[in-house]
Amino acid sequence: MEEMDRSSATEVEVFTVEYRLVGHVKTGGRRFSNWLNLGDVQTLTVQNVALRSLRDLERAAVDLGYVLVNRDAILAVIPRESPAATGGEQVAPKPLEYVEKEEHEVVVSVPPFALRGQMHLAKTADLQRALITFPGTFIPLTKARIVYTARAAALWDGEVILINRDRAQLYWPSPADREG
């Protein structure tokens, strides 16, 4: 990928039932999480891919020019966005757009993975209701970790991990969050 193209692309780690892909996705300058939740995105084109089977993590990754991934097959994505990809400068929130939020630690089962991270909700929001009604297919968890349950030593961290709500089987507040 040319250097100019790379600056307009987001590096991502994509997890499916069988594979972990690391590569770049062009989002047309949009924030990756917003772009992924657009209804017209049915296939993710990941470029300059390192493809690795989850069943054989010791085997070297296969380098490919690109891989097309059906959006429904994606279980989770870790975007590795640079500040330029998310808008760079922070814009002061407008009074009507700002809602004070609090973090709720949740655990999510998306077989063959388990995830733990923070869900950000308005202070008056109910966690149970939010898990049911969250808009979009991909839900962001911050300060998150994804674990391949067939091999607990295989884990990945991300400032944000987007989970496919349609493929998730269980959600629950973490024991630490329920105590606090």
Protein backbone atom coordinates (compact mmCIF):
# COMPACT_ATOMS: atom_id res chain seq x y z
CA MET A 1 0.00 0.00 0.00
CA GLU A 2 1.36 3.41 -0.88
CA GLU A 3 2.29 5.73 1.98
CA MET A 4 -0.48 8.21 1.06
CA ASP A 5 -3.08 5.40 1.10
CA ARG A 6 -1.82 4.15 4.46
CA SER A 7 -2.50 7.54 6.07
CA SER A 8 -6.18 7.32 5.05
CA ALA A 9 -6.51 3.71 6.24
CA THR A 10 -7.06 2.30 9.72
CA GLU A 11 -5.00 -0.61 10.99
CA VAL A 12 -7.32 -3.29 12.39
CA GLU A 13 -7.24 -6.72 13.95
CA VAL A 14 -10.29 -8.71 12.84
CA PHE A 15 -11.43 -11.87 14.65
CA THR A 16 -13.65 -14.52 13.11
CA VAL A 17 -14.43 -18.01 14.42
CA GLU A 18 -11.37 -19.43 12.65
CA TYR A 19 -8.98 -16.54 11.97
CA ARG A 20 -7.23 -13.42 13.20
CA LEU A 21 -6.41 -10.93 10.47
CA VAL A 22 -4.19 -7.87 10.86
CA GLY A 23 -4.28 -5.32 8.07
CA HIS A 24 -5.64 -1.98 6.93
CA VAL A 25 -9.14 -0.82 6.01
CA LYS A 26 -9.98 2.31 4.03
CA THR A 27 -12.90 4.13 5.64
CA GLY A 28 -13.06 7.24 3.48
CA GLY A 29 -11.85 9.37 6.37
CA ARG A 30 -14.61 8.25 8.75
CA ARG A 31 -13.97 7.00 12.24
CA PHE A 32 -13.70 3.21 11.94
CA SER A 33 -16.44 2.37 14.47
CA ASN A 34 -18.92 4.69 12.74
CA TRP A 35 -17.99 3.36 9.30
CA LEU A 36 -18.36 -0.29 10.39
CA ASN A 37 -21.87 0.35 11.72
CA LEU A 38 -23.10 1.79 8.42
CA GLY A 39 -25.86 -0.39 7.02
CA ASP A 40 -24.35 -0.49 3.53
CA VAL A 41 -21.06 -2.09 4.64
CA GLN A 42 -21.62 -5.81 3.99
CA THR A 43 -18.05 -6.82 3.17
CA LEU A 44 -14.91 -5.60 4.86
CA THR A 45 -11.90 -5.36 2.55
CA VAL A 46 -8.76 -5.73 4.64
CA GLN A 47 -5.58 -4.87 2.74
CA ASN A 48 -1.97 -5.94 3.35
CA VAL A 49 -3.18 -8.75 5.58
CA ALA A 50 -1.33 -11.06 7.92
CA LEU A 51 -3.76 -13.98 8.25
CA ARG A 52 -3.34 -16.47 11.09
CA SER A 53 -5.41 -19.52 11.95
CA LEU A 54 -6.62 -19.54 15.56
CA ARG A 55 -6.39 -23.33 15.56
CA ASP A 56 -2.64 -23.22 14.89
CA LEU A 57 -1.27 -20.03 16.46
CA GLU A 58 2.33 -21.29 16.30
CA ARG A 59 2.23 -21.38 12.51
CA ALA A 60 3.47 -18.23 10.81
CA ALA A 61 0.93 -15.79 9.46
CA VAL A 62 0.17 -15.88 5.74
CA ASP A 63 0.74 -12.51 4.07
CA LEU A 64 -1.93 -11.60 1.54
CA GLY A 65 -2.60 -8.52 -0.55
CA TYR A 66 -6.19 -8.38 0.63
CA VAL A 67 -8.96 -10.45 2.21
CA LEU A 68 -12.70 -9.87 1.87
CA VAL A 69 -14.53 -10.59 5.12
CA ASN A 70 -18.31 -10.93 5.34
CA ARG A 71 -19.41 -8.45 8.02
CA ASP A 72 -21.67 -11.09 9.59
CA ALA A 73 -18.65 -13.37 10.10
CA ILE A 74 -16.79 -10.75 12.15
CA LEU A 75 -16.96 -11.45 15.88
CA ALA A 76 -14.78 -8.60 17.08
CA VAL A 77 -12.46 -5.90 15.73
CA ILE A 78 -9.68 -3.96 17.40
CA PRO A 79 -9.16 -0.70 15.48
CA ARG A 80 -5.68 0.74 15.91
CA GLU A 81 -6.67 4.26 14.87
CA SER A 82 -4.15 7.04 14.90
CA PRO A 83 -5.18 10.49 16.18
CA ALA A 84 -5.36 11.68 12.54
CA ALA A 85 -7.88 8.97 11.70
CA THR A 86 -10.24 10.03 14.48
CA GLY A 87 -10.16 13.73 13.74
CA GLY A 88 -6.95 14.67 15.59
CA GLU A 89 -7.92 17.83 17.43
CA GLN A 90 -10.48 17.55 20.16
CA VAL A 91 -13.54 19.69 19.53
CA ALA A 92 -15.31 21.09 22.59
CA PRO A 93 -18.67 19.32 22.92
CA LYS A 94 -21.76 21.36 22.21
CA PRO A 95 -24.11 21.66 25.20
CA LEU A 96 -26.96 19.77 23.53
CA GLU A 97 -24.65 16.90 22.50
CA TYR A 98 -22.93 16.37 25.82
CA VAL A 99 -24.20 13.68 28.17
CA GLU A 100 -22.25 12.84 31.30
CA LYS A 101 -21.37 9.16 31.18
CA GLU A 102 -20.14 6.51 33.54
CA GLU A 103 -18.30 3.28 32.84
CA HIS A 104 -19.80 -0.16 33.43
CA GLU A 105 -17.49 -3.14 33.22
CA VAL A 106 -19.09 -5.96 31.26
CA VAL A 107 -18.17 -9.46 30.19
CA VAL A 108 -19.34 -10.72 26.81
CA SER A 109 -19.31 -14.25 25.38
CA VAL A 110 -18.80 -14.30 21.62
CA PRO A 111 -17.69 -17.90 21.05
CA PRO A 112 -14.92 -18.85 20.75
CA PHE A 113 -13.99 -15.62 22.55
CA ALA A 114 -14.70 -13.95 25.87
CA LEU A 115 -14.30 -10.20 26.26
CA ARG A 116 -14.13 -7.85 29.20
CA GLY A 117 -14.24 -4.09 28.92
CA GLN A 118 -15.96 -0.85 29.79
CA MET A 119 -19.29 0.19 28.31
CA HIS A 120 -19.94 3.94 28.52
CA LEU A 121 -23.52 4.91 29.35
CA ALA A 122 -25.35 8.04 30.37
CA LYS A 123 -25.47 8.27 34.17
CA THR A 124 -29.21 7.72 34.18
CA ALA A 125 -29.08 4.73 31.79
CA ASP A 126 -29.81 1.20 32.90
CA LEU A 127 -27.06 -1.26 31.85
CA GLN A 128 -29.47 -4.12 31.14
CA ARG A 129 -31.66 -1.97 28.91
CA ALA A 130 -28.64 -0.47 27.16
CA LEU A 131 -27.30 -3.91 26.26
CA ILE A 132 -30.64 -4.70 24.62
CA THR A 133 -31.20 -1.41 22.81
CA PHE A 134 -27.69 -0.25 21.86
CA PRO A 135 -27.86 1.12 18.29
CA GLY A 136 -25.68 -0.45 15.63
CA THR A 137 -24.37 -3.95 15.09
CA PHE A 138 -20.94 -3.35 16.61
CA ILE A 139 -20.79 -2.29 20.27
CA PRO A 140 -17.62 -0.57 21.50
CA LEU A 141 -15.95 -1.65 24.73
CA THR A 142 -13.03 0.43 25.98
CA LYS A 143 -9.99 -0.70 27.96
CA ALA A 144 -10.91 -4.13 26.66
CA ARG A 145 -9.37 -7.58 26.43
CA ILE A 146 -10.37 -10.45 24.14
CA VAL A 147 -9.43 -14.02 25.07
CA TYR A 148 -9.53 -17.05 22.79
CA THR A 149 -11.28 -19.46 25.18
CA ALA A 150 -9.83 -22.60 23.58
CA ARG A 151 -6.42 -21.29 24.61
CA ALA A 152 -6.57 -18.74 27.43
CA ALA A 153 -2.95 -17.65 26.85
CA ALA A 154 -4.05 -16.23 23.48
CA LEU A 155 -5.33 -12.78 24.36
CA TRP A 156 -5.29 -9.32 22.89
CA ASP A 157 -5.87 -5.87 24.41
CA GLY A 158 -7.30 -2.77 22.82
CA GLU A 159 -8.21 0.75 23.83
CA VAL A 160 -11.43 -0.11 21.98
CA ILE A 161 -12.76 -3.47 20.87
CA LEU A 162 -15.91 -3.56 18.76
CA ILE A 163 -18.05 -6.66 19.28
CA ASN A 164 -20.68 -7.98 16.91
CA ARG A 165 -23.86 -7.89 19.00
CA ASP A 166 -25.60 -10.27 16.58
CA ARG A 167 -22.97 -12.96 17.26
CA ALA A 168 -22.67 -12.42 21.02
CA GLN A 169 -24.40 -15.06 23.13
CA LEU A 170 -24.20 -13.65 26.65
CA TYR A 171 -23.59 -10.27 28.30
CA TRP A 172 -23.28 -9.67 32.01
CA PRO A 173 -21.88 -7.05 34.38
CA SER A 174 -18.49 -8.10 35.68
CA PRO A 175 -18.42 -9.21 39.32
CA ALA A 176 -16.29 -6.17 40.23
CA ASP A 177 -18.82 -3.78 38.65
CA ARG A 178 -21.75 -5.34 40.53
CA GLU A 179 -19.96 -4.90 43.87
CA GLY A 180 -19.19 -1.21 43.22
